[in-house]
Amino acid sequence: MSRDRLLRAGAFLERHLFDPIQPEDIAAASALSLRSLQRYFATAVGESLSGYLRGRRLTHAAQQLVLGHQDILSLALDCQFGSHEAFTRAFSRHFFMSPSAFRQQGCLQHNYYRPSLDLAMLAELAAQHQQPPHITPRAQQPLWGLTQAMQTDELSGAGLGIALSQLNSQLCSLFGPRTPTRVFYFKSQPGQCRDFLLLVATAAGPGMPPQGITALTLPAGYAATFTLHGDESQLPVFMYHCFAQWIFHSGWHFADAPIELQLPDEQHPRFRLTLPVRTTPCPVYRLW
């Protein structure tokens, strides 16, 4: 089936995101039967057409809240929810916090945002579906490192590169220039999604860590490593797949531990992300 029809459906959806459209309207605009569109959409995008439409509307709402939108009821009505209560329930299920809490703690870069449907998005999702993450067992790993507070919006682009360069330089001055380093990030406080700690670490040495060094122990378990196939512009699609698709449909669960970033280098020219995963739901939510 032509991908052009799916792109036509996506374009129609974006033009009428705040109109009272139904899935049948999107199917008609793409010249497909509703059943055919739903089947092809689920295969190519990884979720239902109605779920994606709701997710795009909630993404717009989340972005408006971060920008300071004060009237939650009008935002709910704009996004085609019939009441404040219905909007709050849907928003809380999607972003794991209420709209008012998201306005205080949310960020413009969020793992559960639904990116707009275009050719680059479909290409990245197709690559992710065809090449699932590499899952490996991991022993307990004690680490020493240096941390820097970051906001989620800063965990990509130039700000991330500058912070990593500074931390890596400081770490090498303490432990030697040939020290292999790894990059992690985790929440500075539980229950929020804006403020993180960026950690550049190396294997822990004997005894106590030097003054000013953060000691961190990665728990034993499994790790799922994803590879970004497109360029940096596809990071939102990549995160959407990792957190909003794979982790909910794979049978694995997030293991509540730091997430590892692996930036492109000579050996690995693509961005990689390693999630700690477990076979059962994590019973306790801690710092990470």
Protein backbone atom coordinates (compact mmCIF):
# COMPACT_ATOMS: atom_id res chain seq x y z
CA MET A 1 0.00 0.00 0.00
CA SER A 2 1.32 3.44 -0.92
CA ARG A 3 2.97 5.35 1.88
CA ASP A 4 1.68 8.50 0.20
CA ARG A 5 -1.83 7.73 1.43
CA LEU A 6 -0.62 7.42 4.99
CA LEU A 7 1.20 10.74 4.66
CA ARG A 8 -1.97 12.25 3.24
CA ALA A 9 -3.84 11.02 6.33
CA GLY A 10 -1.19 12.59 8.56
CA ALA A 11 -1.38 15.93 6.75
CA PHE A 12 -5.18 15.97 7.04
CA LEU A 13 -4.95 15.13 10.74
CA GLU A 14 -2.54 18.04 11.35
CA ARG A 15 -4.73 20.52 9.46
CA HIS A 16 -7.78 19.51 11.47
CA LEU A 17 -6.17 18.68 14.80
CA PHE A 18 -8.52 21.01 16.68
CA ASP A 19 -11.65 20.23 14.69
CA PRO A 20 -14.21 17.58 15.73
CA ILE A 21 -12.95 15.03 13.18
CA GLN A 22 -13.46 11.28 13.39
CA PRO A 23 -11.26 8.43 12.10
CA GLU A 24 -13.71 8.04 9.21
CA ASP A 25 -12.91 11.60 8.09
CA ILE A 26 -9.17 10.85 8.07
CA ALA A 27 -9.78 7.65 6.09
CA ALA A 28 -11.84 9.50 3.50
CA ALA A 29 -9.13 12.14 3.09
CA SER A 30 -6.57 9.41 2.44
CA ALA A 31 -8.83 7.56 -0.05
CA LEU A 32 -8.78 4.40 2.06
CA SER A 33 -11.40 2.42 3.87
CA LEU A 34 -11.32 2.93 7.62
CA ARG A 35 -10.30 -0.68 8.21
CA SER A 36 -7.44 -0.47 5.70
CA LEU A 37 -6.17 2.81 7.17
CA GLN A 38 -6.34 1.50 10.73
CA ARG A 39 -4.46 -1.67 9.81
CA TYR A 40 -1.75 0.14 7.84
CA PHE A 41 -1.44 2.89 10.45
CA ALA A 42 -0.94 0.42 13.30
CA THR A 43 1.74 -1.42 11.28
CA ALA A 44 3.67 1.68 10.16
CA VAL A 45 3.30 3.92 13.23
CA GLY A 46 2.95 1.37 16.02
CA GLU A 47 -0.31 2.52 17.59
CA SER A 48 -3.94 2.97 16.67
CA LEU A 49 -5.13 5.89 14.56
CA SER A 50 -7.44 7.17 17.30
CA GLY A 51 -4.70 6.79 19.92
CA TYR A 52 -2.25 8.76 17.78
CA LEU A 53 -4.83 11.53 17.16
CA ARG A 54 -5.45 11.80 20.90
CA GLY A 55 -1.69 11.79 21.52
CA ARG A 56 -1.10 14.62 19.02
CA ARG A 57 -3.77 16.73 20.72
CA LEU A 58 -2.33 16.04 24.16
CA THR A 59 1.15 16.88 22.84
CA HIS A 60 -0.12 20.29 21.74
CA ALA A 61 -1.76 20.75 25.14
CA ALA A 62 1.45 19.84 26.98
CA GLN A 63 3.48 22.29 24.92
CA GLN A 64 0.98 25.06 25.62
CA LEU A 65 1.08 24.32 29.35
CA VAL A 66 4.89 24.55 29.43
CA LEU A 67 4.59 27.91 27.67
CA GLY A 68 2.33 29.14 30.48
CA HIS A 69 -1.24 28.52 29.23
CA GLN A 70 -3.47 29.19 32.25
CA ASP A 71 -6.98 28.16 31.20
CA ILE A 72 -7.05 24.36 31.29
CA LEU A 73 -10.76 24.21 30.41
CA SER A 74 -10.31 26.18 27.17
CA LEU A 75 -7.31 24.02 26.32
CA ALA A 76 -9.41 20.91 26.92
CA LEU A 77 -12.16 22.19 24.61
CA ASP A 78 -9.63 23.20 21.93
CA CYS A 79 -8.30 19.64 22.00
CA GLN A 80 -11.81 18.19 21.59
CA PHE A 81 -12.33 16.94 25.12
CA GLY A 82 -15.82 17.46 26.43
CA SER A 83 -14.89 18.55 29.94
CA HIS A 84 -12.06 19.56 32.23
CA GLU A 85 -12.35 16.17 33.97
CA ALA A 86 -12.13 14.12 30.76
CA PHE A 87 -9.10 16.10 29.62
CA THR A 88 -7.36 15.73 32.99
CA ARG A 89 -7.92 11.96 33.02
CA ALA A 90 -6.57 11.54 29.48
CA PHE A 91 -3.62 13.87 30.11
CA SER A 92 -2.68 12.12 33.37
CA ARG A 93 -2.75 8.69 31.71
CA HIS A 94 -0.56 9.98 28.87
CA PHE A 95 2.05 12.04 30.78
CA PHE A 96 1.77 10.45 34.24
CA MET A 97 0.90 13.75 35.92
CA SER A 98 -1.98 16.24 35.93
CA PRO A 99 -2.06 19.24 33.55
CA SER A 100 -1.40 21.67 36.41
CA ALA A 101 1.59 19.62 37.61
CA PHE A 102 2.92 19.44 34.06
CA ARG A 103 2.69 23.23 33.77
CA GLN A 104 4.99 23.49 36.81
CA GLN A 105 7.36 20.61 36.06
CA GLY A 106 7.06 19.74 32.37
CA CYS A 107 9.40 20.48 29.49
CA LEU A 108 9.24 21.05 25.75
CA GLN A 109 11.27 17.88 25.10
CA HIS A 110 9.34 14.92 26.49
CA ASN A 111 9.58 11.20 25.80
CA TYR A 112 5.80 10.76 25.52
CA TYR A 113 5.17 13.51 22.97
CA ARG A 114 3.69 12.28 19.71
CA PRO A 115 5.76 13.63 16.78
CA SER A 116 3.96 14.76 13.63
CA LEU A 117 3.64 12.11 10.95
CA ASP A 118 5.96 12.72 8.00
CA LEU A 119 8.27 10.71 5.77
CA ALA A 120 11.28 10.99 8.09
CA MET A 121 9.19 9.78 11.05
CA LEU A 122 7.97 6.75 9.13
CA ALA A 123 11.51 5.90 8.02
CA GLU A 124 12.88 6.03 11.57
CA LEU A 125 9.99 3.98 12.98
CA ALA A 126 10.38 1.41 10.22
CA ALA A 127 14.09 1.07 11.04
CA GLN A 128 13.31 0.67 14.74
CA HIS A 129 10.64 -1.98 14.10
CA GLN A 130 12.93 -3.92 11.76
CA GLN A 131 15.91 -3.79 14.14
CA PRO A 132 14.72 -4.21 17.73
CA PRO A 133 16.99 -3.24 20.61
CA HIS A 134 19.91 -5.42 21.62
CA ILE A 135 19.14 -6.88 25.07
CA THR A 136 22.02 -8.08 27.23
CA PRO A 137 22.44 -9.16 30.87
CA ARG A 138 24.43 -6.73 32.98
CA ALA A 139 26.36 -7.40 36.19
CA GLN A 140 26.33 -4.91 39.06
CA GLN A 141 28.70 -2.07 38.17
CA PRO A 142 30.21 0.40 40.68
CA LEU A 143 31.06 3.75 39.04
CA TRP A 144 32.75 7.00 40.00
CA GLY A 145 31.95 10.17 38.15
CA LEU A 146 31.13 13.86 37.94
CA THR A 147 27.61 15.24 37.65
CA GLN A 148 25.99 18.38 36.31
CA ALA A 149 22.37 19.49 36.68
CA MET A 150 20.58 19.70 33.32
CA GLN A 151 17.05 20.30 32.14
CA THR A 152 15.51 17.86 29.67
CA ASP A 153 15.57 20.46 26.89
CA GLU A 154 19.37 20.60 27.26
CA LEU A 155 19.94 16.84 26.89
CA SER A 156 20.49 17.18 23.15
CA GLY A 157 22.29 19.58 20.86
CA ALA A 158 25.13 21.98 21.68
CA GLY A 159 24.40 22.27 25.40
CA LEU A 160 24.86 18.54 25.91
CA GLY A 161 28.13 18.52 23.95
CA ILE A 162 29.61 21.39 25.96
CA ALA A 163 28.61 19.84 29.30
CA LEU A 164 30.03 16.44 28.35
CA SER A 165 33.30 17.95 27.15
CA GLN A 166 33.78 19.83 30.41
CA LEU A 167 32.91 16.87 32.63
CA ASN A 168 35.04 14.48 30.61
CA SER A 169 38.02 16.84 30.77
CA GLN A 170 37.70 17.15 34.56
CA LEU A 171 37.35 13.40 34.98
CA CYS A 172 40.39 12.65 32.83
CA SER A 173 42.44 15.14 34.81
CA LEU A 174 41.62 13.13 37.96
CA PHE A 175 41.95 9.59 36.64
CA GLY A 176 44.16 9.91 33.56
CA PRO A 177 43.55 10.83 29.92
CA ARG A 178 43.03 7.23 28.80
CA THR A 179 40.23 6.55 31.28
CA PRO A 180 37.22 5.06 29.42
CA THR A 181 34.16 7.11 30.31
CA ARG A 182 30.42 6.50 30.07
CA VAL A 183 27.52 8.95 30.08
CA PHE A 184 24.31 8.55 32.11
CA TYR A 185 21.36 10.69 33.10
CA PHE A 186 18.75 10.30 35.80
CA LYS A 187 16.16 12.35 37.64
CA SER A 188 17.38 14.69 40.33
CA GLN A 189 14.08 14.26 42.18
CA PRO A 190 11.34 11.63 41.83
CA GLY A 191 7.99 12.58 40.34
CA GLN A 192 9.19 15.30 37.95
CA CYS A 193 10.33 15.31 34.32
CA ARG A 194 12.31 18.54 33.88
CA ASP A 195 15.44 18.43 36.04
CA PHE A 196 18.05 15.72 35.52
CA LEU A 197 21.59 14.96 36.56
CA LEU A 198 24.06 14.26 33.78
CA LEU A 199 26.84 11.91 34.88
CA VAL A 200 30.17 11.20 33.17
CA ALA A 201 31.61 8.15 34.93
CA THR A 202 34.33 5.54 34.88
CA ALA A 203 34.80 2.22 36.70
CA ALA A 204 35.15 2.73 40.45
CA GLY A 205 38.55 2.25 42.03
CA PRO A 206 39.36 0.63 45.38
CA GLY A 207 38.44 2.33 48.60
CA MET A 208 36.46 5.55 48.96
CA PRO A 209 35.94 7.92 45.99
CA PRO A 210 37.98 11.15 45.93
CA GLN A 211 36.34 14.30 47.26
CA GLY A 212 33.80 15.76 44.86
CA ILE A 213 33.32 12.47 42.99
CA THR A 214 29.87 10.89 42.79
CA ALA A 215 29.72 7.16 43.59
CA LEU A 216 27.02 5.28 41.71
CA THR A 217 26.25 1.56 41.50
CA LEU A 218 24.33 0.27 38.50
CA PRO A 219 22.18 -2.66 39.65
CA ALA A 220 22.51 -6.06 38.03
CA GLY A 221 19.86 -6.85 35.44
CA TYR A 222 19.21 -6.42 31.75
CA ALA A 223 19.93 -3.54 29.41
CA ALA A 224 18.17 -2.76 26.10
CA THR A 225 20.29 -0.73 23.68
CA PHE A 226 18.53 1.20 20.90
CA THR A 227 20.24 2.81 17.90
CA LEU A 228 19.07 6.02 16.23
CA HIS A 229 19.05 5.36 12.48
CA GLY A 230 18.28 8.92 11.31
CA ASP A 231 20.05 12.13 12.20
CA GLU A 232 19.66 14.23 15.35
CA SER A 233 16.41 15.76 14.06
CA GLN A 234 14.80 12.35 14.59
CA LEU A 235 15.58 12.20 18.32
CA PRO A 236 11.93 12.98 19.28
CA VAL A 237 10.75 10.08 17.10
CA PHE A 238 13.48 7.86 18.55
CA MET A 239 12.49 8.68 22.14
CA TYR A 240 8.81 8.23 21.28
CA HIS A 241 9.57 4.72 20.02
CA CYS A 242 11.76 3.75 23.00
CA PHE A 243 9.53 5.07 25.79
CA ALA A 244 6.00 5.29 24.37
CA GLN A 245 6.00 2.21 22.15
CA TRP A 246 8.61 -0.46 22.87
CA ILE A 247 8.62 -0.30 26.67
CA PHE A 248 4.80 -0.69 26.75
CA HIS A 249 4.42 -3.43 24.14
CA SER A 250 7.57 -5.54 24.40
CA GLY A 251 6.81 -7.37 27.65
CA TRP A 252 9.80 -5.69 29.34
CA HIS A 253 9.54 -3.04 32.06
CA PHE A 254 11.71 -0.07 32.96
CA ALA A 255 14.07 -1.07 35.78
CA ASP A 256 14.20 2.31 37.57
CA ALA A 257 17.93 2.97 37.14
CA PRO A 258 20.07 5.53 35.25
CA ILE A 259 19.78 5.65 31.46
CA GLU A 260 23.00 5.48 29.46
CA LEU A 261 23.73 7.72 26.47
CA GLN A 262 26.25 6.61 23.88
CA LEU A 263 27.16 9.46 21.57
CA PRO A 264 28.50 8.91 18.04
CA ASP A 265 32.21 8.17 17.74
CA GLU A 266 34.58 6.51 15.27
CA GLN A 267 33.52 2.99 16.25
CA HIS A 268 29.79 3.72 16.57
CA PRO A 269 28.71 6.53 14.22
CA ARG A 270 25.12 6.63 15.51
CA PHE A 271 23.51 7.85 18.73
CA ARG A 272 22.56 5.01 21.08
CA LEU A 273 20.41 4.82 24.21
CA THR A 274 20.54 2.02 26.78
CA LEU A 275 17.53 1.49 29.03
CA PRO A 276 17.73 -0.66 32.17
CA VAL A 277 14.90 -3.20 31.85
CA ARG A 278 13.44 -6.04 33.87
CA THR A 279 10.97 -8.85 33.23
CA THR A 280 8.51 -7.73 35.92
CA PRO A 281 7.20 -4.28 36.90
CA CYS A 282 9.44 -2.38 39.30
CA PRO A 283 7.75 -2.39 42.74
CA VAL A 284 9.37 0.80 44.04
CA TYR A 285 9.97 4.15 42.35
CA ARG A 286 13.24 5.63 43.60
CA LEU A 287 15.51 8.53 42.69
CA TRP A 288 16.18 7.62 39.07
